């Protein structure tokens, strides 16, 4: 009992082990991989990055004319770098040493809507492609 009291008193005067997040930024861990940066001018829209992304943070929407649009959600991303490794074009997807911006509720809700639209547009595009082949 006496040892516990002494240990408690010692800890009262030590620096806290935690930070006051979100008011103070948390320290970046040494093994942090960085944010994903996409360069549209280098992209060939092969969708390999979308296929290998474990949490589904990368999505492509298909337009009426058959073109594709790239969408990335940094709040879903686990920064594993699989998309960077899968990309056949060097420099199209790059990891940089920056931290993610704080998420807002509006951005998270918009991503759900975008994900639904991406699935719908992909189905429409595949159906149109099947009709062209027949």
N, C-alpha and C. Protein backbone atom coordinates (compact mmCIF):
# COMPACT_ATOMS: atom_id res chain seq x y z
N UNK A 1 0.82 -1.19 0.00
CA UNK A 1 0.00 0.00 0.00
C UNK A 1 0.87 1.25 0.00
N UNK A 2 1.93 1.19 0.82
CA UNK A 2 2.84 2.32 0.92
C UNK A 2 3.53 2.58 -0.42
N UNK A 3 3.90 1.50 -1.13
CA UNK A 3 4.56 1.62 -2.43
C UNK A 3 3.64 2.27 -3.47
N UNK A 4 2.37 1.91 -3.41
CA UNK A 4 1.40 2.51 -4.35
C UNK A 4 1.27 4.01 -4.12
N UNK A 5 1.24 4.42 -2.89
CA UNK A 5 1.12 5.84 -2.56
C UNK A 5 2.35 6.61 -3.04
N UNK A 6 3.51 6.05 -2.85
CA UNK A 6 4.76 6.69 -3.29
C UNK A 6 4.77 6.80 -4.82
N UNK A 7 4.37 5.74 -5.51
CA UNK A 7 4.33 5.75 -6.98
C UNK A 7 3.34 6.79 -7.50
N UNK A 8 2.19 6.90 -6.85
CA UNK A 8 1.18 7.89 -7.24
C UNK A 8 1.71 9.30 -7.07
N UNK A 9 2.39 9.57 -5.98
CA UNK A 9 2.95 10.90 -5.75
C UNK A 9 4.04 11.23 -6.77
N UNK A 10 4.84 10.25 -7.16
CA UNK A 10 5.86 10.47 -8.19
C UNK A 10 5.21 10.86 -9.52
N UNK A 11 4.14 10.15 -9.87
CA UNK A 11 3.46 10.40 -11.15
C UNK A 11 2.75 11.75 -11.19
N UNK A 12 2.41 12.29 -10.03
CA UNK A 12 1.76 13.60 -10.00
C UNK A 12 2.65 14.69 -10.57
N UNK A 13 3.94 14.54 -10.44
CA UNK A 13 4.87 15.59 -10.85
C UNK A 13 5.59 15.28 -12.17
N UNK A 14 5.24 14.19 -12.82
CA UNK A 14 5.82 13.85 -14.11
C UNK A 14 5.00 14.48 -15.24
N UNK A 15 5.63 14.60 -16.40
CA UNK A 15 4.95 15.09 -17.59
C UNK A 15 3.91 14.05 -18.02
N UNK A 16 2.70 14.48 -18.45
CA UNK A 16 1.68 13.51 -18.87
C UNK A 16 2.13 12.70 -20.09
N UNK A 17 1.68 11.48 -20.17
CA UNK A 17 2.05 10.60 -21.27
C UNK A 17 1.21 10.86 -22.52
N UNK A 18 0.09 11.55 -22.36
CA UNK A 18 -0.80 11.81 -23.49
C UNK A 18 -0.77 13.28 -23.88
N UNK A 19 -1.35 13.58 -25.05
CA UNK A 19 -1.47 14.97 -25.50
C UNK A 19 -2.94 15.35 -25.49
N UNK A 20 -3.22 16.63 -25.50
CA UNK A 20 -4.61 17.10 -25.47
C UNK A 20 -5.16 17.18 -26.90
N UNK A 21 -5.24 16.01 -27.55
CA UNK A 21 -5.78 15.94 -28.91
C UNK A 21 -7.28 16.17 -28.86
N UNK A 22 -7.88 16.94 -29.71
CA UNK A 22 -7.42 17.55 -30.95
C UNK A 22 -6.88 18.97 -30.79
N UNK A 23 -6.75 19.45 -29.56
CA UNK A 23 -6.28 20.81 -29.36
C UNK A 23 -4.78 20.93 -29.60
N UNK A 24 -4.05 19.88 -29.36
CA UNK A 24 -2.62 19.83 -29.66
C UNK A 24 -2.41 18.69 -30.65
N UNK A 25 -1.58 18.89 -31.67
CA UNK A 25 -1.35 17.80 -32.62
C UNK A 25 -0.60 16.65 -31.95
N UNK A 26 -0.98 15.44 -32.30
CA UNK A 26 -0.28 14.28 -31.75
C UNK A 26 1.02 14.07 -32.53
N UNK A 27 2.04 13.55 -31.87
CA UNK A 27 3.31 13.36 -32.57
C UNK A 27 3.20 12.30 -33.67
N UNK A 28 3.91 12.52 -34.75
CA UNK A 28 3.90 11.57 -35.86
C UNK A 28 4.79 10.38 -35.52
N UNK A 29 4.27 9.16 -35.65
CA UNK A 29 5.09 7.99 -35.33
C UNK A 29 6.25 7.83 -36.31
N UNK A 30 7.34 7.20 -35.89
CA UNK A 30 8.50 7.06 -36.78
C UNK A 30 8.24 6.21 -38.02
N UNK A 31 7.28 5.30 -37.97
CA UNK A 31 6.99 4.45 -39.13
C UNK A 31 5.82 4.97 -39.97
N UNK A 32 5.48 6.26 -39.83
CA UNK A 32 4.38 6.86 -40.58
C UNK A 32 4.72 6.87 -42.07
N UNK A 33 3.79 6.44 -42.90
CA UNK A 33 4.06 6.31 -44.34
C UNK A 33 3.70 7.55 -45.14
N UNK A 34 2.75 8.35 -44.68
CA UNK A 34 2.40 9.58 -45.38
C UNK A 34 1.12 9.49 -46.18
N UNK A 35 0.62 10.65 -46.59
CA UNK A 35 -0.60 10.73 -47.38
C UNK A 35 -0.35 10.30 -48.82
N UNK A 36 -1.41 9.90 -49.49
CA UNK A 36 -1.34 9.50 -50.89
C UNK A 36 -1.62 10.74 -51.75
N UNK A 37 -0.75 11.01 -52.70
CA UNK A 37 -0.94 12.12 -53.64
C UNK A 37 -1.16 11.53 -55.02
N UNK A 38 -2.21 11.99 -55.69
CA UNK A 38 -2.60 11.50 -57.01
C UNK A 38 -2.30 12.55 -58.06
N UNK A 39 -1.67 12.14 -59.16
CA UNK A 39 -1.36 13.05 -60.27
C UNK A 39 -2.16 12.60 -61.49
N UNK A 40 -3.24 13.35 -61.77
CA UNK A 40 -4.18 12.98 -62.82
C UNK A 40 -3.53 12.87 -64.19
N UNK A 41 -2.58 13.77 -64.47
CA UNK A 41 -1.97 13.79 -65.80
C UNK A 41 -1.16 12.52 -66.10
N UNK A 42 -0.76 11.78 -65.08
CA UNK A 42 -0.01 10.54 -65.29
C UNK A 42 -0.90 9.29 -65.27
N UNK A 43 -2.13 9.43 -64.80
CA UNK A 43 -3.02 8.28 -64.61
C UNK A 43 -3.52 7.72 -65.94
N UNK A 44 -3.53 6.38 -66.05
CA UNK A 44 -4.07 5.71 -67.23
C UNK A 44 -5.45 5.10 -66.92
N UNK A 45 -5.97 5.34 -65.73
CA UNK A 45 -7.29 4.90 -65.29
C UNK A 45 -7.48 3.39 -65.44
N UNK A 46 -6.48 2.64 -65.00
CA UNK A 46 -6.54 1.18 -65.07
C UNK A 46 -7.35 0.59 -63.91
N UNK A 47 -7.62 1.36 -62.88
CA UNK A 47 -8.36 1.01 -61.65
C UNK A 47 -7.68 -0.06 -60.79
N UNK A 48 -6.41 -0.32 -61.01
CA UNK A 48 -5.70 -1.30 -60.17
C UNK A 48 -5.63 -0.82 -58.72
N UNK A 49 -5.45 0.49 -58.54
CA UNK A 49 -5.38 1.04 -57.18
C UNK A 49 -6.70 0.83 -56.43
N UNK A 50 -7.82 0.96 -57.14
CA UNK A 50 -9.12 0.73 -56.52
C UNK A 50 -9.28 -0.73 -56.12
N UNK A 51 -8.80 -1.62 -56.95
CA UNK A 51 -8.94 -3.06 -56.69
C UNK A 51 -8.13 -3.52 -55.48
N UNK A 52 -6.94 -2.94 -55.26
CA UNK A 52 -6.08 -3.41 -54.17
C UNK A 52 -6.27 -2.65 -52.87
N UNK A 53 -7.04 -1.57 -52.87
CA UNK A 53 -7.21 -0.74 -51.66
C UNK A 53 -8.04 -1.49 -50.62
N UNK A 54 -7.44 -1.93 -49.49
CA UNK A 54 -8.17 -2.72 -48.49
C UNK A 54 -9.42 -2.03 -47.92
N UNK A 55 -9.36 -0.76 -47.51
CA UNK A 55 -10.57 -0.16 -46.93
C UNK A 55 -11.50 0.47 -47.96
N UNK A 56 -11.12 0.49 -49.23
CA UNK A 56 -11.97 1.11 -50.25
C UNK A 56 -11.88 2.63 -50.24
N UNK A 57 -10.73 3.17 -49.95
CA UNK A 57 -10.55 4.63 -49.89
C UNK A 57 -10.41 5.24 -51.28
N UNK A 58 -10.16 4.42 -52.29
CA UNK A 58 -10.06 4.89 -53.67
C UNK A 58 -11.23 4.34 -54.45
N UNK A 59 -11.92 5.24 -55.14
CA UNK A 59 -13.07 4.84 -55.96
C UNK A 59 -12.99 5.54 -57.30
N UNK A 60 -13.47 4.89 -58.33
CA UNK A 60 -13.60 5.50 -59.65
C UNK A 60 -15.07 5.57 -60.00
N UNK A 61 -15.49 6.71 -60.55
CA UNK A 61 -16.84 6.81 -61.08
C UNK A 61 -16.73 6.78 -62.60
N UNK A 62 -17.72 6.19 -63.24
CA UNK A 62 -17.73 6.05 -64.69
C UNK A 62 -18.74 7.04 -65.25
N UNK A 63 -18.31 7.88 -66.18
CA UNK A 63 -19.18 8.86 -66.80
C UNK A 63 -19.91 8.25 -67.99
N UNK A 64 -20.91 8.96 -68.49
CA UNK A 64 -21.72 8.48 -69.62
C UNK A 64 -20.86 8.17 -70.85
N UNK A 65 -19.83 8.97 -71.08
CA UNK A 65 -18.98 8.79 -72.27
C UNK A 65 -17.93 7.68 -72.09
N UNK A 66 -17.93 7.00 -70.95
CA UNK A 66 -16.99 5.92 -70.70
C UNK A 66 -15.73 6.35 -69.98
N UNK A 67 -15.56 7.65 -69.78
CA UNK A 67 -14.38 8.13 -69.05
C UNK A 67 -14.56 7.86 -67.55
N UNK A 68 -13.46 7.87 -66.84
CA UNK A 68 -13.49 7.57 -65.41
C UNK A 68 -12.97 8.75 -64.61
N UNK A 69 -13.45 8.87 -63.37
CA UNK A 69 -12.98 9.91 -62.45
C UNK A 69 -12.46 9.25 -61.19
N UNK A 70 -11.33 9.74 -60.71
CA UNK A 70 -10.67 9.22 -59.51
C UNK A 70 -11.17 9.97 -58.28
N UNK A 71 -11.47 9.23 -57.20
CA UNK A 71 -11.88 9.83 -55.92
C UNK A 71 -11.10 9.14 -54.81
N UNK A 72 -10.62 9.94 -53.87
CA UNK A 72 -9.80 9.43 -52.76
C UNK A 72 -10.31 10.00 -51.45
N UNK A 73 -10.49 9.14 -50.45
CA UNK A 73 -10.94 9.57 -49.14
C UNK A 73 -9.81 9.35 -48.13
N UNK A 74 -9.12 10.43 -47.72
CA UNK A 74 -8.01 10.26 -46.78
C UNK A 74 -8.44 9.80 -45.39
N UNK A 75 -9.74 9.90 -45.09
CA UNK A 75 -10.23 9.50 -43.76
C UNK A 75 -10.45 8.00 -43.68
N UNK A 76 -10.65 7.34 -44.81
CA UNK A 76 -10.78 5.89 -44.84
C UNK A 76 -9.42 5.21 -45.04
N UNK A 77 -8.49 5.93 -45.61
CA UNK A 77 -7.19 5.37 -45.98
C UNK A 77 -6.41 4.91 -44.74
N UNK A 78 -5.81 3.73 -44.84
CA UNK A 78 -4.96 3.22 -43.76
C UNK A 78 -3.49 3.40 -44.09
N UNK A 79 -3.20 4.05 -45.20
CA UNK A 79 -1.83 4.41 -45.62
C UNK A 79 -0.91 3.21 -45.72
N UNK A 80 -1.44 2.12 -46.25
CA UNK A 80 -0.64 0.91 -46.39
C UNK A 80 0.29 0.98 -47.60
N UNK A 81 -0.05 1.80 -48.58
CA UNK A 81 0.78 1.96 -49.77
C UNK A 81 0.55 0.92 -50.84
N UNK A 82 -0.48 0.08 -50.69
CA UNK A 82 -0.77 -0.94 -51.71
C UNK A 82 -1.11 -0.31 -53.05
N UNK A 83 -1.82 0.82 -53.03
CA UNK A 83 -2.18 1.49 -54.28
C UNK A 83 -0.94 2.00 -55.00
N UNK A 84 0.03 2.49 -54.25
CA UNK A 84 1.28 2.99 -54.84
C UNK A 84 2.04 1.84 -55.48
N UNK A 85 2.08 0.68 -54.80
CA UNK A 85 2.78 -0.49 -55.34
C UNK A 85 2.07 -1.07 -56.56
N UNK A 86 0.74 -1.02 -56.59
CA UNK A 86 -0.02 -1.62 -57.68
C UNK A 86 -0.05 -0.76 -58.94
N UNK A 87 0.19 0.52 -58.80
CA UNK A 87 0.09 1.44 -59.94
C UNK A 87 1.18 1.16 -60.98
N UNK A 88 0.79 0.90 -62.25
CA UNK A 88 1.79 0.61 -63.28
C UNK A 88 2.54 1.85 -63.77
N UNK A 89 2.03 3.04 -63.49
CA UNK A 89 2.67 4.28 -63.94
C UNK A 89 3.47 4.88 -62.78
N UNK A 90 4.79 4.91 -62.87
CA UNK A 90 5.59 5.50 -61.78
C UNK A 90 5.27 6.98 -61.60
N UNK A 91 5.05 7.38 -60.36
CA UNK A 91 4.79 8.78 -60.05
C UNK A 91 3.33 9.19 -60.07
N UNK A 92 2.44 8.32 -60.51
CA UNK A 92 1.01 8.66 -60.54
C UNK A 92 0.45 8.73 -59.12
N UNK A 93 0.78 7.76 -58.30
CA UNK A 93 0.42 7.75 -56.89
C UNK A 93 1.70 7.76 -56.06
N UNK A 94 1.81 8.73 -55.16
CA UNK A 94 3.02 8.90 -54.36
C UNK A 94 2.62 9.12 -52.91
N UNK A 95 3.42 8.62 -51.97
CA UNK A 95 3.19 8.88 -50.56
C UNK A 95 4.11 10.01 -50.11
N UNK A 96 3.52 11.04 -49.47
CA UNK A 96 4.29 12.20 -49.00
C UNK A 96 4.20 12.27 -47.48
N UNK A 97 5.17 12.91 -46.88
CA UNK A 97 5.26 13.01 -45.42
C UNK A 97 4.39 14.14 -44.86
N UNK A 98 3.11 14.03 -45.02
CA UNK A 98 2.18 14.99 -44.43
C UNK A 98 1.16 14.22 -43.62
N UNK A 99 0.49 14.91 -42.70
CA UNK A 99 -0.53 14.25 -41.90
C UNK A 99 -1.91 14.56 -42.46
N UNK A 100 -2.86 13.69 -42.17
CA UNK A 100 -4.22 13.85 -42.69
C UNK A 100 -4.93 15.02 -42.01
N UNK A 101 -5.75 15.75 -42.77
CA UNK A 101 -6.53 16.82 -42.16
C UNK A 101 -7.63 16.24 -41.29
N UNK A 102 -8.13 16.99 -40.31
CA UNK A 102 -9.21 16.46 -39.48
C UNK A 102 -10.48 16.25 -40.30
N UNK A 103 -11.16 15.16 -40.05
CA UNK A 103 -12.38 14.84 -40.80
C UNK A 103 -13.56 15.64 -40.29
N UNK A 104 -14.43 16.03 -41.23
CA UNK A 104 -15.68 16.67 -40.84
C UNK A 104 -16.81 15.69 -41.14
N UNK A 105 -17.91 15.85 -40.45
CA UNK A 105 -19.04 14.95 -40.64
C UNK A 105 -19.58 15.05 -42.06
N UNK A 106 -19.58 16.27 -42.61
CA UNK A 106 -20.09 16.47 -43.97
C UNK A 106 -19.28 15.68 -45.00
N UNK A 107 -17.96 15.68 -44.85
CA UNK A 107 -17.11 14.94 -45.79
C UNK A 107 -17.35 13.44 -45.68
N UNK A 108 -17.54 12.94 -44.48
CA UNK A 108 -17.78 11.52 -44.30
C UNK A 108 -19.12 11.11 -44.90
N UNK A 109 -20.15 11.94 -44.73
CA UNK A 109 -21.46 11.64 -45.30
C UNK A 109 -21.42 11.72 -46.82
N UNK A 110 -20.68 12.69 -47.36
CA UNK A 110 -20.57 12.81 -48.81
C UNK A 110 -19.86 11.60 -49.42
N UNK A 111 -18.93 11.00 -48.69
CA UNK A 111 -18.22 9.84 -49.22
C UNK A 111 -19.17 8.67 -49.39
N UNK A 112 -20.09 8.47 -48.46
CA UNK A 112 -21.07 7.39 -48.60
C UNK A 112 -21.90 7.58 -49.86
N UNK A 113 -22.31 8.81 -50.11
CA UNK A 113 -23.09 9.13 -51.30
C UNK A 113 -22.25 8.89 -52.56
N UNK A 114 -21.01 9.32 -52.53
CA UNK A 114 -20.12 9.12 -53.68
C UNK A 114 -19.88 7.64 -53.94
N UNK A 115 -19.73 6.86 -52.89
CA UNK A 115 -19.50 5.43 -53.04
C UNK A 115 -20.70 4.75 -53.71
N UNK A 116 -21.90 5.16 -53.32
CA UNK A 116 -23.12 4.62 -53.93
C UNK A 116 -23.18 5.00 -55.41
N UNK A 117 -22.87 6.28 -55.72
CA UNK A 117 -22.88 6.74 -57.11
C UNK A 117 -21.81 6.02 -57.94
N UNK A 118 -20.65 5.75 -57.33
CA UNK A 118 -19.58 5.05 -58.04
C UNK A 118 -20.03 3.64 -58.42
N UNK A 119 -20.69 2.95 -57.51
CA UNK A 119 -21.18 1.60 -57.80
C UNK A 119 -22.24 1.63 -58.90
N UNK A 120 -23.16 2.59 -58.82
CA UNK A 120 -24.21 2.70 -59.83
C UNK A 120 -23.63 3.02 -61.20
N UNK A 121 -22.69 3.97 -61.25
CA UNK A 121 -22.11 4.36 -62.54
C UNK A 121 -21.29 3.22 -63.14
N UNK A 122 -20.65 2.42 -62.29
CA UNK A 122 -19.87 1.29 -62.79
C UNK A 122 -20.79 0.24 -63.41
N UNK A 123 -21.94 -0.01 -62.76
CA UNK A 123 -22.90 -0.97 -63.31
C UNK A 123 -23.45 -0.50 -64.65
N UNK A 124 -23.81 0.80 -64.73
CA UNK A 124 -24.32 1.36 -65.99
C UNK A 124 -23.28 1.26 -67.09
N UNK A 125 -22.03 1.55 -66.76
CA UNK A 125 -20.95 1.52 -67.74
C UNK A 125 -20.74 0.09 -68.25
N UNK A 126 -20.77 -0.90 -67.34
CA UNK A 126 -20.60 -2.29 -67.75
C UNK A 126 -21.76 -2.77 -68.62
N UNK A 127 -22.99 -2.33 -68.29
CA UNK A 127 -24.14 -2.69 -69.11
C UNK A 127 -24.03 -2.09 -70.50
N UNK A 128 -23.62 -0.83 -70.58
CA UNK A 128 -23.46 -0.18 -71.88
C UNK A 128 -22.36 -0.86 -72.70
N UNK A 129 -21.31 -1.31 -72.03
CA UNK A 129 -20.22 -2.00 -72.71
C UNK A 129 -20.67 -3.35 -73.26
N UNK A 130 -21.52 -4.05 -72.49
CA UNK A 130 -22.05 -5.34 -72.95
C UNK A 130 -22.95 -5.14 -74.18
N UNK A 131 -23.75 -4.07 -74.17
CA UNK A 131 -24.64 -3.79 -75.30
C UNK A 131 -23.83 -3.50 -76.57
N UNK A 132 -22.71 -2.79 -76.42
CA UNK A 132 -21.87 -2.47 -77.58
C UNK A 132 -21.27 -3.74 -78.18
N UNK A 133 -20.90 -4.70 -77.33
CA UNK A 133 -20.30 -5.95 -77.80
C UNK A 133 -21.32 -6.84 -78.50
N UNK A 134 -22.61 -6.74 -78.12
CA UNK A 134 -23.63 -7.61 -78.71
C UNK A 134 -24.12 -7.12 -80.04
